[in-house]
Protein backbone atom coordinates (compact mmCIF):
# COMPACT_ATOMS: atom_id res chain seq x y z
CA UNK A 1 -5.65 24.73 -9.38
CA UNK A 2 -4.34 28.27 -8.80
CA UNK A 3 -0.68 29.02 -9.44
CA UNK A 4 -0.20 30.01 -5.80
CA UNK A 5 -1.66 26.74 -4.51
CA UNK A 6 0.41 24.71 -6.96
CA UNK A 7 3.58 26.45 -5.79
CA UNK A 8 2.69 25.80 -2.15
CA UNK A 9 2.12 22.09 -2.81
CA UNK A 10 5.37 21.79 -4.74
CA UNK A 11 7.25 23.57 -1.95
CA UNK A 12 5.74 21.19 0.61
CA UNK A 13 6.81 18.16 -1.43
CA UNK A 14 10.35 19.51 -1.84
CA UNK A 15 10.62 20.12 1.90
CA UNK A 16 9.33 16.63 2.66
CA UNK A 17 11.88 15.08 0.32
CA UNK A 18 14.75 17.18 1.69
CA UNK A 19 13.89 16.24 5.28
CA UNK A 20 13.51 12.57 4.32
CA UNK A 21 16.95 12.49 2.72
CA UNK A 22 18.54 14.20 5.72
CA UNK A 23 16.94 11.81 8.22
CA UNK A 24 18.13 8.59 6.61
CA UNK A 25 21.74 8.78 7.84
CA UNK A 26 21.01 9.55 11.52
CA UNK A 27 18.31 6.88 11.56
CA UNK A 28 20.77 4.34 10.20
CA UNK A 29 23.27 5.29 12.90
CA UNK A 30 20.59 4.95 15.58
CA UNK A 31 19.60 1.53 14.27
CA UNK A 32 23.20 0.31 14.29
CA UNK A 33 23.76 1.66 17.81
CA UNK A 34 20.62 -0.04 19.12
CA UNK A 35 21.76 -3.38 17.70
CA UNK A 36 24.61 -3.31 20.26
CA UNK A 37 22.39 -2.47 23.23
CA UNK A 38 21.43 -5.34 25.52
CA UNK A 39 18.04 -6.72 24.57
CA UNK A 40 15.10 -5.63 26.68
CA UNK A 41 11.61 -4.22 26.11
CA UNK A 42 12.82 -0.62 25.86
CA UNK A 43 15.48 -1.48 23.33
CA UNK A 44 13.08 -3.54 21.24
CA UNK A 45 10.49 -0.76 21.33
CA UNK A 46 13.01 1.87 20.22
CA UNK A 47 14.32 -0.39 17.47
CA UNK A 48 10.77 -0.94 16.26
CA UNK A 49 10.19 2.82 16.15
CA UNK A 50 13.36 3.37 14.14
CA UNK A 51 12.40 0.64 11.68
CA UNK A 52 8.95 2.20 11.24
CA UNK A 53 10.52 5.58 10.52
CA UNK A 54 12.91 3.97 8.04
CA UNK A 55 9.98 2.37 6.25
CA UNK A 56 8.11 5.66 6.16
CA UNK A 57 11.10 7.47 4.63
CA UNK A 58 11.54 4.70 2.08
CA UNK A 59 7.89 5.06 1.03
CA UNK A 60 8.19 8.85 0.75
CA UNK A 61 11.29 8.66 -1.43
CA UNK A 62 9.96 5.80 -3.56
CA UNK A 63 6.69 7.64 -4.16
CA UNK A 64 8.62 10.72 -5.25
CA UNK A 65 10.79 8.61 -7.56
CA UNK A 66 7.79 7.08 -9.29
CA UNK A 67 6.18 10.50 -9.74
CA UNK A 68 9.30 11.97 -11.33
CA UNK A 69 9.91 11.82 -15.06
CA UNK A 70 12.95 9.64 -14.40
CA UNK A 71 11.09 7.14 -12.25
CA UNK A 72 11.03 3.81 -14.04
CA UNK A 73 9.36 0.51 -13.28
CA UNK A 74 11.22 -2.79 -13.51
CA UNK A 75 8.68 -4.48 -15.78
CA UNK A 76 8.38 -8.19 -16.46
CA UNK A 77 5.59 -10.43 -17.68
CA UNK A 78 4.20 -12.61 -14.89
CA UNK A 79 1.08 -14.58 -14.02
CA UNK A 80 -0.97 -12.19 -11.90
CA UNK A 81 -2.99 -15.11 -10.54
CA UNK A 82 0.12 -16.79 -9.17
CA UNK A 83 1.53 -13.54 -7.80
CA UNK A 84 -1.68 -12.72 -5.94
CA UNK A 85 -1.82 -16.23 -4.47
CA UNK A 86 1.76 -15.94 -3.22
CA UNK A 87 1.04 -12.62 -1.50
CA UNK A 88 -2.13 -13.97 0.12
CA UNK A 89 -0.20 -17.01 1.38
CA UNK A 90 2.11 -14.72 3.36
CA UNK A 91 -0.85 -13.81 5.58
CA UNK A 92 -1.76 -17.41 6.42
CA UNK A 93 -2.87 -17.66 10.03
CA UNK A 94 -3.78 -13.99 10.35
CA UNK A 95 -7.25 -13.30 11.74
CA UNK A 96 -9.89 -13.11 10.25
CA UNK A 97 -8.21 -14.96 7.37
CA UNK A 98 -7.93 -14.35 3.64
CA UNK A 99 -9.80 -16.25 0.94
CA UNK A 100 -8.46 -15.92 -2.62
CA UNK A 101 -11.07 -16.87 -5.20
CA UNK A 102 -8.50 -18.05 -7.70
CA UNK A 103 -9.20 -18.50 -11.38
CA UNK A 104 -7.34 -21.47 -12.84
CA UNK A 105 -6.21 -19.60 -15.94
CA UNK A 106 -2.93 -17.76 -16.43
CA UNK A 107 -3.44 -14.00 -16.33
CA UNK A 108 -0.22 -12.61 -17.80
CA UNK A 109 0.48 -8.97 -16.97
CA UNK A 110 3.43 -6.68 -17.67
CA UNK A 111 4.19 -5.27 -14.21
CA UNK A 112 6.84 -4.36 -11.68
CA UNK A 113 6.49 -7.41 -9.43
CA UNK A 114 7.98 -5.86 -6.29
CA UNK A 115 5.81 -2.75 -6.57
CA UNK A 116 2.56 -4.67 -7.13
CA UNK A 117 3.43 -6.91 -4.19
CA UNK A 118 3.81 -3.75 -2.11
CA UNK A 119 0.34 -2.58 -3.14
CA UNK A 120 -1.34 -5.91 -2.35
CA UNK A 121 0.41 -6.29 1.00
CA UNK A 122 -0.44 -2.74 2.03
CA UNK A 123 -4.14 -3.16 1.34
CA UNK A 124 -4.27 -6.60 2.98
CA UNK A 125 -2.47 -5.32 6.09
CA UNK A 126 -5.05 -2.53 6.40
CA UNK A 127 -7.91 -4.98 5.83
CA UNK A 128 -6.64 -7.19 8.64
CA UNK A 129 -5.96 -4.23 10.92
CA UNK A 130 -9.51 -2.91 10.68
CA UNK A 131 -11.21 -6.30 10.91
CA UNK A 132 -12.14 -8.15 14.09
CA UNK A 133 -11.94 -11.92 14.75
CA UNK A 134 -15.68 -12.45 14.25
CA UNK A 135 -15.60 -10.92 10.76
CA UNK A 136 -15.80 -13.13 7.68
CA UNK A 137 -12.48 -13.75 5.89
CA UNK A 138 -11.14 -11.02 3.62
CA UNK A 139 -12.16 -11.81 0.04
CA UNK A 140 -9.66 -11.43 -2.81
CA UNK A 141 -10.83 -11.84 -6.40
CA UNK A 142 -9.07 -11.51 -9.74
CA UNK A 143 -10.98 -11.05 -12.98
CA UNK A 144 -10.43 -9.85 -16.54
CA UNK A 145 -12.35 -7.55 -18.85
CA UNK A 146 -11.63 -5.94 -22.21
CA UNK A 147 -9.33 -3.30 -20.75
CA UNK A 148 -7.29 -5.48 -18.42
CA UNK A 149 -7.38 -7.04 -14.98
CA UNK A 150 -9.30 -6.16 -11.83
CA UNK A 151 -8.13 -7.19 -8.37
CA UNK A 152 -10.83 -6.81 -5.71
CA UNK A 153 -10.02 -6.90 -2.01
CA UNK A 154 -13.05 -6.83 0.29
CA UNK A 155 -13.14 -6.81 4.08
CA UNK A 156 -15.97 -6.74 6.62
CA UNK A 157 -14.31 -4.22 8.92
CA UNK A 158 -15.41 -0.85 10.24
CA UNK A 159 -15.65 0.85 6.86
CA UNK A 160 -14.85 4.40 5.73
CA UNK A 161 -17.14 7.47 5.77
CA UNK A 162 -18.36 8.34 2.27
CA UNK A 163 -16.98 11.88 2.37
CA UNK A 164 -13.49 10.55 3.10
CA UNK A 165 -13.22 7.87 0.40
CA UNK A 166 -11.10 9.98 -1.95
CA UNK A 167 -9.05 11.51 0.85
CA UNK A 168 -7.61 8.19 2.02
CA UNK A 169 -5.24 8.23 -0.96
CA UNK A 170 -3.74 11.54 0.18
CA UNK A 171 -0.35 11.39 1.96
CA UNK A 172 -0.58 11.17 5.77
CA UNK A 173 -4.38 11.28 5.81
CA UNK A 174 -6.11 9.37 8.63
CA UNK A 175 -9.79 8.45 8.56
CA UNK A 176 -9.93 8.61 12.35
CA UNK A 177 -7.76 11.45 13.65
CA UNK A 178 -7.90 10.00 17.16
CA UNK A 179 -6.02 6.82 16.22
CA UNK A 180 -2.44 6.33 17.25
CA UNK A 181 0.23 5.18 14.83
CA UNK A 182 -0.35 1.63 16.10
CA UNK A 183 -3.95 1.56 14.86
CA UNK A 184 -4.13 4.28 12.25
CA UNK A 185 -0.83 4.09 10.41
CA UNK A 186 0.87 7.11 8.90
CA UNK A 187 -1.63 7.56 6.10
CA UNK A 188 1.15 7.19 3.53
CA UNK A 189 0.76 3.60 2.33
CA UNK A 190 -2.39 4.13 0.25
CA UNK A 191 -0.91 7.23 -1.34
CA UNK A 192 2.06 5.14 -2.42
CA UNK A 193 -0.29 2.42 -3.72
CA UNK A 194 -2.07 4.99 -5.88
CA UNK A 195 1.23 6.24 -7.28
CA UNK A 196 2.39 2.70 -8.10
CA UNK A 197 -0.84 1.69 -9.83
CA UNK A 198 -0.99 4.91 -11.85
CA UNK A 199 2.65 4.42 -12.88
CA UNK A 200 1.47 1.11 -14.40
CA UNK A 201 -1.25 2.92 -16.34
CA UNK A 202 -3.92 1.60 -14.00
CA UNK A 203 -6.35 2.93 -11.39
CA UNK A 204 -7.19 2.22 -7.77
CA UNK A 205 -10.48 3.05 -6.09
CA UNK A 206 -12.53 2.11 -3.04
CA UNK A 207 -16.18 1.64 -2.11
CA UNK A 208 -17.27 1.61 1.50
CA UNK A 209 -19.88 2.49 4.09
CA UNK A 210 -19.29 2.83 7.83
CA UNK A 211 -19.87 -0.50 9.54
CA UNK A 212 -20.03 -2.42 6.26
CA UNK A 213 -16.36 -2.87 5.43
CA UNK A 214 -14.43 -1.63 2.41
CA UNK A 215 -13.79 -2.95 -1.09
CA UNK A 216 -10.70 -1.87 -3.02
CA UNK A 217 -10.50 -2.15 -6.80
CA UNK A 218 -7.14 -2.30 -8.56
CA UNK A 219 -7.31 -2.05 -12.34
CA UNK A 220 -4.25 -2.99 -14.39
CA UNK A 221 -3.81 -3.13 -18.16
CA UNK A 222 -3.37 -6.61 -19.65
CA UNK A 223 -0.12 -7.63 -21.29
CA UNK A 224 -0.35 -7.89 -25.07
CA UNK A 225 1.50 -11.23 -24.93
CA UNK A 226 -1.20 -12.84 -22.78
CA UNK A 227 -2.03 -16.48 -23.42
CA UNK A 228 -5.75 -16.96 -24.09
């Protein structure tokens, strides 16, 4: 990467962070003010917009924190099998459904529980969003190899064009530029997922073809204290 390009990217990130910090206070004031407005559809819609913006700013700042040299994970040793099951259970009743192919063993991993939950929820929300009722349930699998654990999340949705597979992990990137925020998101969640997984020493990747769904792979190192 050229020095000029690197400087431009760093300047863009600094500007994004500065704007994000500055927006938090006015957004908080707007949210508080709306809480005192009489409930109706307009008020609820505005409050929803403010909450979405708050979430977006939180993701921007958290991603920056994890990328910085001072960004630290709150690590603890947990059963990844149990954690994944708990996250999947939160989506009970959502169409087209989620099926977790659970292994009965304990898979102990040294992770930041809240951050890994964020990753799993983000990918599952996207999988549900881009599926239709007639699709088969979203498949979630957890396995182990010599280097650690692999979480696979597979949907039967609309899929992703091959030339855009790597780009979906870029901040604010949308596969379909025509989508609104209601259907396409802000393109930030997967970028944050990538940052979180890499902060754990792992990797995240995706395989997909248009019309054939998408399959995400999350690779995490195993904890040395694992019970065999």
